[in-house]
Amino acid sequence: MDTQQVSAPPRAPSAGVVHINIRLTDGYTIVSNRLSQHRGLSLLAIGLGTHIQSLPDGWRVGIKALAAVFPESEARIAAALRELEQHGFLRRTRERVGGGKLATRTESYNHPEAAARGRMRECAAAQVPEAVPAPQVLPAVATEPMTAAEPVRVPGREPVRVPEPEPVRVRVPEPEPVRAPEPLRASVPDPVPAPVPGPRLVPTPAAPRKPRLPLPAPQQPTEALYAAAADLLAGLPRAAPLFLLSEEDARGLVPGVAAWLERGARPDAVRAAITDDPPVPLRHPAKLLRHRLAALLPPPLPAAVPVVPLQNCDDCDRAFRSSVPGCCQECRDARAYADEPCLIGA
């Protein structure tokens, strides 16, 4: 019997974006990935370029017209237009219209490299000179041969013969064919290079790296503090499944979590601070936790002000604050003046 082959549907990715696409029949625009995934443009410039490509011909795309539609300021829109013009997606020229006025002509390109090559071919065709016509070669003029002179007859005498002059041969030079000059070959300019994206803020491999911050540790470690830190690390996968740690990684991160707890941080606050907004994909969760525990360490708690206990005065039995029992200030003053002689009425 034949075995039926069953193909399972593809599984959705566990992380990252998942596209839910519906086939569009109207109200859509085809945008090239050269614009939507350009690494040298800002998100504002990419969005503005996509909006301009979706507009029909003749639509106004000036700075004031765009600022009236979108919440961004005129300065930010102008900066985004300059980015698009720098990378070849936009071209703005000033043209003279009727009445002596100037108008801005805006051209939007979905493929800047192909448009640049087309302009290069047009410039090369305009620079080719017309072919110089070859000069016409005139036909050689045929010279008539010289006839001998007839003898002169004198009546009554014999005719006297005039000697015939010897014909002089004149050599007519043959015209040399004039070579038509070869048409000048137009120097084709070098192809316009593709627009180079702006510099990415990524350090070079040879750039010195900052020293890694050491993992903090509590100043007064206790078993209860370390036990609470271990429980917090073991329970991370419940709230953040991406942070599943091995036993060795959890044991190495316990002093850093204990330092946070010693400084008065609540366990839920520690969990949110070290697991919030992880990068996608997350390849090394233990390294990320170590970095956040060291870089986001809260300041230590202020030193507690010592509390002076209350004491009862031995003479008046009133309460006063003192570290040792005895008499209050008033009773001590009274005892000091009791031994002095009284000068009143002397």
C-alpha atoms as a PDB file:
ATOM      1  CA  MET A   1       0.000   0.000   0.000  1.00  0.00           C
ATOM      2  CA  ASP A   2       1.104   3.499  -0.741  1.00  0.00           C
ATOM      3  CA  THR A   3       1.988   5.624   2.259  1.00  0.00           C
ATOM      4  CA  GLN A   4       0.309   9.012   2.260  1.00  0.00           C
ATOM      5  CA  GLN A   5       2.846  11.793   2.792  1.00  0.00           C
ATOM      6  CA  VAL A   6       1.617  14.368   5.245  1.00  0.00           C
ATOM      7  CA  SER A   7       3.311  17.771   5.271  1.00  0.00           C
ATOM      8  CA  ALA A   8       2.949  19.642   8.538  1.00  0.00           C
ATOM      9  CA  PRO A   9       2.254  23.377   8.327  1.00  0.00           C
ATOM     10  CA  PRO A  10       5.258  25.606   9.132  1.00  0.00           C
ATOM     11  CA  ARG A  11       5.520  26.631  12.755  1.00  0.00           C
ATOM     12  CA  ALA A  12       5.377  30.287  13.659  1.00  0.00           C
ATOM     13  CA  PRO A  13       8.666  31.742  14.946  1.00  0.00           C
ATOM     14  CA  SER A  14       9.005  31.849  18.722  1.00  0.00           C
ATOM     15  CA  ALA A  15      10.282  35.447  18.698  1.00  0.00           C
ATOM     16  CA  GLY A  16      10.208  38.429  16.365  1.00  0.00           C
ATOM     17  CA  VAL A  17       7.497  39.775  14.140  1.00  0.00           C
ATOM     18  CA  VAL A  18       4.873  37.516  12.546  1.00  0.00           C
ATOM     19  CA  HIS A  19       3.165  38.877   9.396  1.00  0.00           C
ATOM     20  CA  ILE A  20      -0.591  38.442   9.056  1.00  0.00           C
ATOM     21  CA  ASN A  21      -1.029  39.470   5.398  1.00  0.00           C
ATOM     22  CA  ILE A  22      -4.346  39.841   3.585  1.00  0.00           C
ATOM     23  CA  ARG A  23      -4.407  40.081  -0.206  1.00  0.00           C
ATOM     24  CA  LEU A  24      -5.051  43.684  -1.233  1.00  0.00           C
ATOM     25  CA  THR A  25      -7.102  44.577  -4.309  1.00  0.00           C
ATOM     26  CA  ASP A  26      -7.202  48.382  -3.950  1.00  0.00           C
ATOM     27  CA  GLY A  27      -5.685  51.178  -1.905  1.00  0.00           C
ATOM     28  CA  TYR A  28      -2.092  49.967  -1.855  1.00  0.00           C
ATOM     29  CA  THR A  29       1.327  51.116  -3.115  1.00  0.00           C
ATOM     30  CA  ILE A  30       4.389  49.026  -4.048  1.00  0.00           C
ATOM     31  CA  VAL A  31       7.389  50.333  -2.106  1.00  0.00           C
ATOM     32  CA  SER A  32      10.909  49.032  -2.695  1.00  0.00           C
ATOM     33  CA  ASN A  33      12.933  47.562   0.159  1.00  0.00           C
ATOM     34  CA  ARG A  34      15.696  49.954  -0.886  1.00  0.00           C
ATOM     35  CA  LEU A  35      13.644  52.603   0.918  1.00  0.00           C
ATOM     36  CA  SER A  36      11.776  50.685   3.610  1.00  0.00           C
ATOM     37  CA  GLN A  37      14.917  48.847   4.881  1.00  0.00           C
ATOM     38  CA  HIS A  38      17.531  51.559   4.191  1.00  0.00           C
ATOM     39  CA  ARG A  39      20.110  51.595   7.000  1.00  0.00           C
ATOM     40  CA  GLY A  40      21.342  55.129   6.315  1.00  0.00           C
ATOM     41  CA  LEU A  41      17.950  56.862   6.618  1.00  0.00           C
ATOM     42  CA  SER A  42      16.101  57.757   9.776  1.00  0.00           C
ATOM     43  CA  LEU A  43      12.673  56.301  10.491  1.00  0.00           C
ATOM     44  CA  LEU A  44      11.104  59.711   9.838  1.00  0.00           C
ATOM     45  CA  ALA A  45      12.769  59.914   6.408  1.00  0.00           C
ATOM     46  CA  ILE A  46      11.692  56.348   5.517  1.00  0.00           C
ATOM     47  CA  GLY A  47       8.106  57.072   6.529  1.00  0.00           C
ATOM     48  CA  LEU A  48       8.054  60.380   4.670  1.00  0.00           C
ATOM     49  CA  GLY A  49       9.540  58.780   1.528  1.00  0.00           C
ATOM     50  CA  THR A  50       6.923  56.019   1.661  1.00  0.00           C
ATOM     51  CA  HIS A  51       4.155  58.618   1.998  1.00  0.00           C
ATOM     52  CA  ILE A  52       5.478  60.626  -0.974  1.00  0.00           C
ATOM     53  CA  GLN A  53       5.646  57.522  -3.191  1.00  0.00           C
ATOM     54  CA  SER A  54       2.026  56.698  -2.338  1.00  0.00           C
ATOM     55  CA  LEU A  55       0.760  60.129  -3.508  1.00  0.00           C
ATOM     56  CA  PRO A  56      -0.513  60.693  -7.077  1.00  0.00           C
ATOM     57  CA  ASP A  57       1.346  62.928  -9.539  1.00  0.00           C
ATOM     58  CA  GLY A  58       0.798  66.619  -9.012  1.00  0.00           C
ATOM     59  CA  TRP A  59       0.253  66.359  -5.247  1.00  0.00           C
ATOM     60  CA  ARG A  60       1.960  69.101  -3.225  1.00  0.00           C
ATOM     61  CA  VAL A  61       4.781  67.777  -1.044  1.00  0.00           C
ATOM     62  CA  GLY A  62       6.282  71.019   0.215  1.00  0.00           C
ATOM     63  CA  ILE A  63       7.440  71.499   3.796  1.00  0.00           C
ATOM     64  CA  LYS A  64       4.438  73.594   4.816  1.00  0.00           C
ATOM     65  CA  ALA A  65       1.990  71.243   3.070  1.00  0.00           C
ATOM     66  CA  LEU A  66       3.427  68.189   4.882  1.00  0.00           C
ATOM     67  CA  ALA A  67       3.601  70.004   8.236  1.00  0.00           C
ATOM     68  CA  ALA A  68      -0.102  70.812   7.906  1.00  0.00           C
ATOM     69  CA  VAL A  69      -0.926  67.080   7.642  1.00  0.00           C
ATOM     70  CA  PHE A  70       1.537  65.458  10.075  1.00  0.00           C
ATOM     71  CA  PRO A  71       2.339  66.365  13.721  1.00  0.00           C
ATOM     72  CA  GLU A  72       6.101  66.750  13.068  1.00  0.00           C
ATOM     73  CA  SER A  73       7.538  70.262  12.912  1.00  0.00           C
ATOM     74  CA  GLU A  74       8.728  71.964   9.742  1.00  0.00           C
ATOM     75  CA  ALA A  75      12.359  71.615  10.848  1.00  0.00           C
ATOM     76  CA  ARG A  76      12.091  67.815  11.213  1.00  0.00           C
ATOM     77  CA  ILE A  77      10.246  67.450   7.894  1.00  0.00           C
ATOM     78  CA  ALA A  78      12.877  69.597   6.144  1.00  0.00           C
ATOM     79  CA  ALA A  79      15.654  67.433   7.619  1.00  0.00           C
ATOM     80  CA  ALA A  80      13.900  64.250   6.415  1.00  0.00           C
ATOM     81  CA  LEU A  81      13.521  65.692   2.892  1.00  0.00           C
ATOM     82  CA  ARG A  82      17.232  66.513   2.846  1.00  0.00           C
ATOM     83  CA  GLU A  83      18.037  62.914   3.824  1.00  0.00           C
ATOM     84  CA  LEU A  84      15.902  61.568   0.964  1.00  0.00           C
ATOM     85  CA  GLU A  85      17.545  64.000  -1.467  1.00  0.00           C
ATOM     86  CA  GLN A  86      21.041  63.055  -0.263  1.00  0.00           C
ATOM     87  CA  HIS A  87      20.443  59.316  -0.854  1.00  0.00           C
ATOM     88  CA  GLY A  88      18.823  59.847  -4.289  1.00  0.00           C
ATOM     89  CA  PHE A  89      15.183  59.039  -3.433  1.00  0.00           C
ATOM     90  CA  LEU A  90      14.135  62.658  -4.016  1.00  0.00           C
ATOM     91  CA  ARG A  91      15.222  65.384  -6.423  1.00  0.00           C
ATOM     92  CA  ARG A  92      14.125  69.015  -6.123  1.00  0.00           C
ATOM     93  CA  THR A  93      14.839  71.610  -8.833  1.00  0.00           C
ATOM     94  CA  ARG A  94      13.790  75.208  -9.327  1.00  0.00           C
ATOM     95  CA  GLU A  95      12.064  75.984 -12.632  1.00  0.00           C
ATOM     96  CA  ARG A  96      10.775  79.238 -14.062  1.00  0.00           C
ATOM     97  CA  VAL A  97       7.049  79.335 -14.786  1.00  0.00           C
ATOM     98  CA  GLY A  98       4.864  81.914 -16.430  1.00  0.00           C
ATOM     99  CA  GLY A  99       4.795  85.412 -14.997  1.00  0.00           C
ATOM    100  CA  GLY A 100       8.473  85.409 -14.022  1.00  0.00           C
ATOM    101  CA  LYS A 101       7.858  83.171 -11.007  1.00  0.00           C
ATOM    102  CA  LEU A 102       9.879  80.193  -9.767  1.00  0.00           C
ATOM    103  CA  ALA A 103       8.383  76.851  -8.805  1.00  0.00           C
ATOM    104  CA  THR A 104       9.911  73.773  -7.159  1.00  0.00           C
ATOM    105  CA  ARG A 105       9.744  70.578  -9.189  1.00  0.00           C
ATOM    106  CA  THR A 106       9.959  67.464  -7.008  1.00  0.00           C
ATOM    107  CA  GLU A 107      10.797  64.039  -8.465  1.00  0.00           C
ATOM    108  CA  SER A 108      10.465  60.859  -6.374  1.00  0.00           C
ATOM    109  CA  TYR A 109      12.547  57.778  -7.279  1.00  0.00           C
ATOM    110  CA  ASN A 110      11.854  54.235  -6.120  1.00  0.00           C
ATOM    111  CA  HIS A 111      15.176  53.004  -7.614  1.00  0.00           C
ATOM    112  CA  PRO A 112      17.832  55.747  -7.325  1.00  0.00           C
ATOM    113  CA  GLU A 113      20.624  53.666  -8.898  1.00  0.00           C
ATOM    114  CA  ALA A 114      18.641  52.892 -12.082  1.00  0.00           C
ATOM    115  CA  ALA A 115      17.554  56.539 -12.371  1.00  0.00           C
ATOM    116  CA  ALA A 116      21.175  57.691 -12.037  1.00  0.00           C
ATOM    117  CA  ARG A 117      22.263  55.292 -14.818  1.00  0.00           C
ATOM    118  CA  GLY A 118      19.476  56.599 -17.093  1.00  0.00           C
ATOM    119  CA  ARG A 119      20.595  60.205 -16.552  1.00  0.00           C
ATOM    120  CA  MET A 120      24.179  59.146 -17.292  1.00  0.00           C
ATOM    121  CA  ARG A 121      23.163  57.627 -20.658  1.00  0.00           C
ATOM    122  CA  GLU A 122      21.235  60.761 -21.600  1.00  0.00           C
ATOM    123  CA  CYS A 123      24.247  62.964 -20.831  1.00  0.00           C
ATOM    124  CA  ALA A 124      26.526  60.674 -22.886  1.00  0.00           C
ATOM    125  CA  ALA A 125      24.176  60.798 -25.883  1.00  0.00           C
ATOM    126  CA  ALA A 126      23.982  64.592 -25.702  1.00  0.00           C
ATOM    127  CA  GLN A 127      27.795  64.917 -25.731  1.00  0.00           C
ATOM    128  CA  VAL A 128      28.389  62.865 -29.004  1.00  0.00           C
ATOM    129  CA  PRO A 129      29.252  65.381 -31.856  1.00  0.00           C
ATOM    130  CA  GLU A 130      27.712  65.115 -35.349  1.00  0.00           C
ATOM    131  CA  ALA A 131      29.749  63.228 -38.015  1.00  0.00           C
ATOM    132  CA  VAL A 132      31.841  65.565 -40.244  1.00  0.00           C
ATOM    133  CA  PRO A 133      30.868  65.046 -43.918  1.00  0.00           C
ATOM    134  CA  ALA A 134      33.764  63.962 -46.189  1.00  0.00           C
ATOM    135  CA  PRO A 135      34.878  66.624 -48.677  1.00  0.00           C
ATOM    136  CA  GLN A 136      33.753  65.985 -52.233  1.00  0.00           C
ATOM    137  CA  VAL A 137      36.532  64.996 -54.740  1.00  0.00           C
ATOM    138  CA  LEU A 138      36.211  67.076 -57.922  1.00  0.00           C
ATOM    139  CA  PRO A 139      36.669  65.125 -61.176  1.00  0.00           C
ATOM    140  CA  ALA A 140      39.877  65.799 -63.136  1.00  0.00           C
ATOM    141  CA  VAL A 141      39.448  68.315 -65.991  1.00  0.00           C
ATOM    142  CA  ALA A 142      40.249  66.716 -69.310  1.00  0.00           C
ATOM    143  CA  THR A 143      42.713  68.857 -71.337  1.00  0.00           C
ATOM    144  CA  GLU A 144      42.218  69.017 -75.095  1.00  0.00           C
ATOM    145  CA  PRO A 145      45.326  67.927 -77.117  1.00  0.00           C
ATOM    146  CA  MET A 146      47.092  70.694 -79.110  1.00  0.00           C
ATOM    147  CA  THR A 147      46.508  70.463 -82.888  1.00  0.00           C
ATOM    148  CA  ALA A 148      49.326  71.072 -85.356  1.00  0.00           C
ATOM    149  CA  ALA A 149      49.303  74.457 -87.099  1.00  0.00           C
ATOM    150  CA  GLU A 150      48.246  74.404 -90.731  1.00  0.00           C
ATOM    151  CA  PRO A 151      50.875  75.620 -93.287  1.00  0.00           C
ATOM    152  CA  VAL A 152      50.569  79.184 -94.537  1.00  0.00           C
ATOM    153  CA  ARG A 153      49.953  79.357 -98.208  1.00  0.00           C
ATOM    154  CA  VAL A 154      51.477  82.336-100.152  1.00  0.00           C
ATOM    155  CA  PRO A 155      50.318  82.726-103.770  1.00  0.00           C
ATOM    156  CA  GLY A 156      53.037  81.988-106.376  1.00  0.00           C
ATOM    157  CA  ARG A 157      55.352  80.360-103.888  1.00  0.00           C
ATOM    158  CA  GLU A 158      55.624  77.009-102.362  1.00  0.00           C
ATOM    159  CA  PRO A 159      54.000  76.740 -99.122  1.00  0.00           C
ATOM    160  CA  VAL A 160      56.300  77.281 -96.327  1.00  0.00           C
ATOM    161  CA  ARG A 161      55.930  74.681 -93.683  1.00  0.00           C
ATOM    162  CA  VAL A 162      55.980  75.909 -90.234  1.00  0.00           C
ATOM    163  CA  PRO A 163      57.621  73.400 -88.002  1.00  0.00           C
ATOM    164  CA  GLU A 164      55.245  71.715 -85.713  1.00  0.00           C
ATOM    165  CA  PRO A 165      56.008  72.408 -82.123  1.00  0.00           C
ATOM    166  CA  GLU A 166      56.647  69.398 -80.065  1.00  0.00           C
ATOM    167  CA  PRO A 167      53.760  68.737 -77.718  1.00  0.00           C
ATOM    168  CA  VAL A 168      54.561  69.504 -74.197  1.00  0.00           C
ATOM    169  CA  ARG A 169      53.249  66.878 -71.868  1.00  0.00           C
ATOM    170  CA  VAL A 170      51.846  68.358 -68.759  1.00  0.00           C
ATOM    171  CA  ARG A 171      51.472  65.907 -65.929  1.00  0.00           C
ATOM    172  CA  VAL A 172      48.293  66.537 -64.136  1.00  0.00           C
ATOM    173  CA  PRO A 173      48.667  65.302 -60.576  1.00  0.00           C
ATOM    174  CA  GLU A 174      46.059  62.872 -59.591  1.00  0.00           C
ATOM    175  CA  PRO A 175      44.001  64.135 -56.641  1.00  0.00           C
ATOM    176  CA  GLU A 176      44.724  62.193 -53.537  1.00  0.00           C
ATOM    177  CA  PRO A 177      41.665  60.859 -51.840  1.00  0.00           C
ATOM    178  CA  VAL A 178      40.834  62.897 -48.793  1.00  0.00           C
ATOM    179  CA  ARG A 179      40.175  60.733 -45.809  1.00  0.00           C
ATOM    180  CA  ALA A 180      37.213  61.791 -43.793  1.00  0.00           C
ATOM    181  CA  PRO A 181      38.187  62.381 -40.189  1.00  0.00           C
ATOM    182  CA  GLU A 182      36.928  59.791 -37.850  1.00  0.00           C
ATOM    183  CA  PRO A 183      34.102  61.026 -35.643  1.00  0.00           C
ATOM    184  CA  LEU A 184      35.269  61.869 -32.195  1.00  0.00           C
ATOM    185  CA  ARG A 185      34.298  59.312 -29.655  1.00  0.00           C
ATOM    186  CA  ALA A 186      32.507  60.887 -26.820  1.00  0.00           C
ATOM    187  CA  SER A 187      34.222  60.191 -23.582  1.00  0.00           C
ATOM    188  CA  VAL A 188      31.721  58.187 -21.663  1.00  0.00           C
ATOM    189  CA  PRO A 189      31.878  59.269 -18.050  1.00  0.00           C
ATOM    190  CA  ASP A 190      32.353  56.744 -15.367  1.00  0.00           C
ATOM    191  CA  PRO A 191      29.141  55.231 -14.083  1.00  0.00           C
ATOM    192  CA  VAL A 192      27.635  57.137 -11.238  1.00  0.00           C
ATOM    193  CA  PRO A 193      28.315  55.155  -8.084  1.00  0.00           C
ATOM    194  CA  ALA A 194      25.410  54.071  -5.992  1.00  0.00           C
ATOM    195  CA  PRO A 195      24.609  56.375  -3.077  1.00  0.00           C
ATOM    196  CA  VAL A 196      26.689  55.398  -0.080  1.00  0.00           C
ATOM    197  CA  PRO A 197      24.662  55.165   3.145  1.00  0.00           C
ATOM    198  CA  GLY A 198      25.653  57.353   6.055  1.00  0.00           C
ATOM    199  CA  PRO A 199      28.151  56.112   8.605  1.00  0.00           C
ATOM    200  CA  ARG A 200      26.787  53.598  11.066  1.00  0.00           C
ATOM    201  CA  LEU A 201      27.585  54.191  14.681  1.00  0.00           C
ATOM    202  CA  VAL A 202      29.293  50.822  15.150  1.00  0.00           C
ATOM    203  CA  PRO A 203      32.796  50.726  16.663  1.00  0.00           C
ATOM    204  CA  THR A 204      35.519  49.161  14.570  1.00  0.00           C
ATOM    205  CA  PRO A 205      36.932  45.797  15.679  1.00  0.00           C
ATOM    206  CA  ALA A 206      40.192  47.515  16.657  1.00  0.00           C
ATOM    207  CA  ALA A 207      38.470  50.140  18.830  1.00  0.00           C
ATOM    208  CA  PRO A 208      39.257  49.764  22.536  1.00  0.00           C
ATOM    209  CA  ARG A 209      36.388  48.369  24.514  1.00  0.00           C
ATOM    210  CA  LYS A 210      35.255  49.710  27.828  1.00  0.00           C
ATOM    211  CA  PRO A 211      36.223  47.529  30.764  1.00  0.00           C
ATOM    212  CA  ARG A 212      33.384  45.356  31.973  1.00  0.00           C
ATOM    213  CA  LEU A 213      31.868  46.426  35.260  1.00  0.00           C
ATOM    214  CA  PRO A 214      32.425  43.949  38.084  1.00  0.00           C
ATOM    215  CA  LEU A 215      29.456  42.131  39.524  1.00  0.00           C
ATOM    216  CA  PRO A 216      28.344  43.852  42.751  1.00  0.00           C
ATOM    217  CA  ALA A 217      28.298  42.014  46.063  1.00  0.00           C
ATOM    218  CA  PRO A 218      26.600  42.800  49.390  1.00  0.00           C
ATOM    219  CA  GLN A 219      28.638  44.525  52.074  1.00  0.00           C
ATOM    220  CA  GLN A 220      27.135  42.441  54.864  1.00  0.00           C
ATOM    221  CA  PRO A 221      26.217  39.083  53.313  1.00  0.00           C
ATOM    222  CA  THR A 222      23.871  36.811  55.186  1.00  0.00           C
ATOM    223  CA  GLU A 223      22.391  33.414  54.446  1.00  0.00           C
ATOM    224  CA  ALA A 224      18.874  34.850  54.291  1.00  0.00           C
ATOM    225  CA  LEU A 225      19.970  37.464  51.754  1.00  0.00           C
ATOM    226  CA  TYR A 226      21.624  34.875  49.508  1.00  0.00           C
ATOM    227  CA  ALA A 227      18.655  32.540  49.809  1.00  0.00           C
ATOM    228  CA  ALA A 228      16.247  35.305  48.695  1.00  0.00           C
ATOM    229  CA  ALA A 229      18.508  36.131  45.728  1.00  0.00           C
ATOM    230  CA  ALA A 230      18.682  32.458  44.668  1.00  0.00           C
ATOM    231  CA  ASP A 231      14.878  32.129  44.856  1.00  0.00           C
ATOM    232  CA  LEU A 232      14.487  35.252  42.689  1.00  0.00           C
ATOM    233  CA  LEU A 233      16.821  33.900  39.983  1.00  0.00           C
ATOM    234  CA  ALA A 234      15.177  30.472  40.022  1.00  0.00           C
ATOM    235  CA  GLY A 235      11.732  32.033  39.518  1.00  0.00           C
ATOM    236  CA  LEU A 236      12.694  34.247  36.559  1.00  0.00           C
ATOM    237  CA  PRO A 237      11.352  31.847  33.846  1.00  0.00           C
ATOM    238  CA  ARG A 238       7.844  32.158  35.316  1.00  0.00           C
ATOM    239  CA  ALA A 239       7.626  35.870  34.490  1.00  0.00           C
ATOM    240  CA  ALA A 240      10.177  35.939  31.621  1.00  0.00           C
ATOM    241  CA  PRO A 241      10.529  32.559  29.833  1.00  0.00           C
ATOM    242  CA  LEU A 242      13.556  33.763  27.859  1.00  0.00           C
ATOM    243  CA  PHE A 243      15.654  33.979  31.027  1.00  0.00           C
ATOM    244  CA  LEU A 244      16.062  30.263  31.704  1.00  0.00           C
ATOM    245  CA  LEU A 245      19.416  29.981  33.494  1.00  0.00           C
ATOM    246  CA  SER A 246      21.613  27.035  34.253  1.00  0.00           C
ATOM    247  CA  GLU A 247      22.509  26.184  37.834  1.00  0.00           C
ATOM    248  CA  GLU A 248      26.061  27.449  37.382  1.00  0.00           C
ATOM    249  CA  ASP A 249      24.903  30.791  35.886  1.00  0.00           C
ATOM    250  CA  ALA A 250      22.379  31.285  38.686  1.00  0.00           C
ATOM    251  CA  ARG A 251      25.018  30.547  41.341  1.00  0.00           C
ATOM    252  CA  GLY A 252      27.336  33.148  39.807  1.00  0.00           C
ATOM    253  CA  LEU A 253      24.624  35.856  39.706  1.00  0.00           C
ATOM    254  CA  VAL A 254      23.442  35.396  43.299  1.00  0.00           C
ATOM    255  CA  PRO A 255      25.873  38.007  44.812  1.00  0.00           C
ATOM    256  CA  GLY A 256      24.668  40.679  42.347  1.00  0.00           C
ATOM    257  CA  VAL A 257      20.989  40.135  43.195  1.00  0.00           C
ATOM    258  CA  ALA A 258      21.861  40.055  46.916  1.00  0.00           C
ATOM    259  CA  ALA A 259      23.538  43.465  46.570  1.00  0.00           C
ATOM    260  CA  TRP A 260      20.287  44.883  45.110  1.00  0.00           C
ATOM    261  CA  LEU A 261      18.200  43.389  47.924  1.00  0.00           C
ATOM    262  CA  GLU A 262      20.629  44.735  50.530  1.00  0.00           C
ATOM    263  CA  ARG A 263      20.114  48.247  49.154  1.00  0.00           C
ATOM    264  CA  GLY A 264      16.371  48.105  49.740  1.00  0.00           C
ATOM    265  CA  ALA A 265      15.162  47.015  46.268  1.00  0.00           C
ATOM    266  CA  ARG A 266      12.007  44.915  46.280  1.00  0.00           C
ATOM    267  CA  PRO A 267      12.156  41.509  44.521  1.00  0.00           C
ATOM    268  CA  ASP A 268       9.516  42.466  41.934  1.00  0.00           C
ATOM    269  CA  ALA A 269      11.428  45.690  41.155  1.00  0.00           C
ATOM    270  CA  VAL A 270      14.674  43.742  40.721  1.00  0.00           C
ATOM    271  CA  ARG A 271      12.944  41.227  38.425  1.00  0.00           C
ATOM    272  CA  ALA A 272      11.458  43.986  36.239  1.00  0.00           C
ATOM    273  CA  ALA A 273      14.728  45.945  36.013  1.00  0.00           C
ATOM    274  CA  ILE A 274      16.878  43.026  34.835  1.00  0.00           C
ATOM    275  CA  THR A 275      14.376  41.339  32.455  1.00  0.00           C
ATOM    276  CA  ASP A 276      12.478  44.272  30.912  1.00  0.00           C
ATOM    277  CA  ASP A 277      12.745  44.789  27.094  1.00  0.00           C
ATOM    278  CA  PRO A 278      15.318  42.103  26.188  1.00  0.00           C
ATOM    279  CA  PRO A 279      17.002  42.143  22.751  1.00  0.00           C
ATOM    280  CA  VAL A 280      15.678  39.869  20.021  1.00  0.00           C
ATOM    281  CA  PRO A 281      17.074  37.275  19.602  1.00  0.00           C
ATOM    282  CA  LEU A 282      18.410  36.785  23.118  1.00  0.00           C
ATOM    283  CA  ARG A 283      21.484  34.567  22.808  1.00  0.00           C
ATOM    284  CA  HIS A 284      23.174  34.947  26.240  1.00  0.00           C
ATOM    285  CA  PRO A 285      20.641  35.682  29.016  1.00  0.00           C
ATOM    286  CA  ALA A 286      23.230  35.234  31.785  1.00  0.00           C
ATOM    287  CA  LYS A 287      25.555  37.848  30.244  1.00  0.00           C
ATOM    288  CA  LEU A 288      22.676  40.299  29.878  1.00  0.00           C
ATOM    289  CA  LEU A 289      21.659  39.815  33.527  1.00  0.00           C
ATOM    290  CA  ARG A 290      25.263  40.276  34.693  1.00  0.00           C
ATOM    291  CA  HIS A 291      25.559  43.541  32.723  1.00  0.00           C
ATOM    292  CA  ARG A 292      22.268  44.940  34.013  1.00  0.00           C
ATOM    293  CA  LEU A 293      22.993  43.977  37.608  1.00  0.00           C
ATOM    294  CA  ALA A 294      26.262  45.924  37.423  1.00  0.00           C
ATOM    295  CA  ALA A 295      25.137  48.898  35.287  1.00  0.00           C
ATOM    296  CA  LEU A 296      21.736  49.541  36.925  1.00  0.00           C
ATOM    297  CA  LEU A 297      22.770  49.026  40.552  1.00  0.00           C
ATOM    298  CA  PRO A 298      20.754  51.426  42.774  1.00  0.00           C
ATOM    299  CA  PRO A 299      22.585  53.668  45.271  1.00  0.00           C
ATOM    300  CA  PRO A 300      23.031  52.438  48.821  1.00  0.00           C
ATOM    301  CA  LEU A 301      20.536  53.393  51.477  1.00  0.00           C
ATOM    302  CA  PRO A 302      21.396  56.469  53.559  1.00  0.00           C
ATOM    303  CA  ALA A 303      22.931  55.786  56.961  1.00  0.00           C
ATOM    304  CA  ALA A 304      20.302  55.491  59.681  1.00  0.00           C
ATOM    305  CA  VAL A 305      20.307  58.245  62.296  1.00  0.00           C
ATOM    306  CA  PRO A 306      20.898  56.703  65.746  1.00  0.00           C
ATOM    307  CA  VAL A 307      17.897  57.005  68.072  1.00  0.00           C
ATOM    308  CA  VAL A 308      18.691  58.304  71.573  1.00  0.00           C
ATOM    309  CA  PRO A 309      16.620  56.427  74.172  1.00  0.00           C
ATOM    310  CA  LEU A 310      14.394  58.107  76.801  1.00  0.00           C
ATOM    311  CA  GLN A 311      15.566  58.274  80.448  1.00  0.00           C
ATOM    312  CA  ASN A 312      13.693  59.303  83.640  1.00  0.00           C
ATOM    313  CA  CYS A 313      15.268  62.104  85.680  1.00  0.00           C
ATOM    314  CA  ASP A 314      16.414  61.009  89.130  1.00  0.00           C
ATOM    315  CA  ASP A 315      15.273  64.297  90.743  1.00  0.00           C
ATOM    316  CA  CYS A 316      12.087  65.410  88.935  1.00  0.00           C
ATOM    317  CA  ASP A 317      11.152  62.061  87.388  1.00  0.00           C
ATOM    318  CA  ARG A 318      10.577  63.689  83.992  1.00  0.00           C
ATOM    319  CA  ALA A 319      11.536  61.955  80.722  1.00  0.00           C
ATOM    320  CA  PHE A 320      14.494  63.195  78.730  1.00  0.00           C
ATOM    321  CA  ARG A 321      16.667  61.742  75.932  1.00  0.00           C
ATOM    322  CA  SER A 322      20.115  60.572  76.911  1.00  0.00           C
ATOM    323  CA  SER A 323      22.307  57.584  76.336  1.00  0.00           C
ATOM    324  CA  VAL A 324      23.020  57.204  80.073  1.00  0.00           C
ATOM    325  CA  PRO A 325      20.609  57.529  83.009  1.00  0.00           C
ATOM    326  CA  GLY A 326      20.851  60.473  85.426  1.00  0.00           C
ATOM    327  CA  CYS A 327      19.342  63.930  85.775  1.00  0.00           C
ATOM    328  CA  CYS A 328      17.891  66.186  83.130  1.00  0.00           C
ATOM    329  CA  GLN A 329      19.571  69.450  82.122  1.00  0.00           C
ATOM    330  CA  GLU A 330      17.432  71.635  84.394  1.00  0.00           C
ATOM    331  CA  CYS A 331      18.113  69.500  87.461  1.00  0.00           C
ATOM    332  CA  ARG A 332      21.849  69.528  86.723  1.00  0.00           C
ATOM    333  CA  ASP A 333      21.780  73.333  86.482  1.00  0.00           C
ATOM    334  CA  ALA A 334      19.876  73.557  89.757  1.00  0.00           C
ATOM    335  CA  ARG A 335      22.455  71.403  91.507  1.00  0.00           C
ATOM    336  CA  ALA A 336      25.289  73.500  90.102  1.00  0.00           C
ATOM    337  CA  TYR A 337      23.840  76.780  91.460  1.00  0.00           C
ATOM    338  CA  ALA A 338      22.725  75.275  94.822  1.00  0.00           C
ATOM    339  CA  ASP A 339      26.255  75.412  96.317  1.00  0.00           C
ATOM    340  CA  GLU A 340      26.872  79.096  95.437  1.00  0.00           C
ATOM    341  CA  PRO A 341      26.123  81.768  98.198  1.00  0.00           C
ATOM    342  CA  CYS A 342      22.976  83.836  97.717  1.00  0.00           C
ATOM    343  CA  LEU A 343      23.793  87.536  97.220  1.00  0.00           C
ATOM    344  CA  ILE A 344      20.227  88.835  97.425  1.00  0.00           C
ATOM    345  CA  GLY A 345      19.617  90.995 100.581  1.00  0.00           C
ATOM    346  CA  ALA A 346      23.257  91.125 101.596  1.00  0.00           C
END
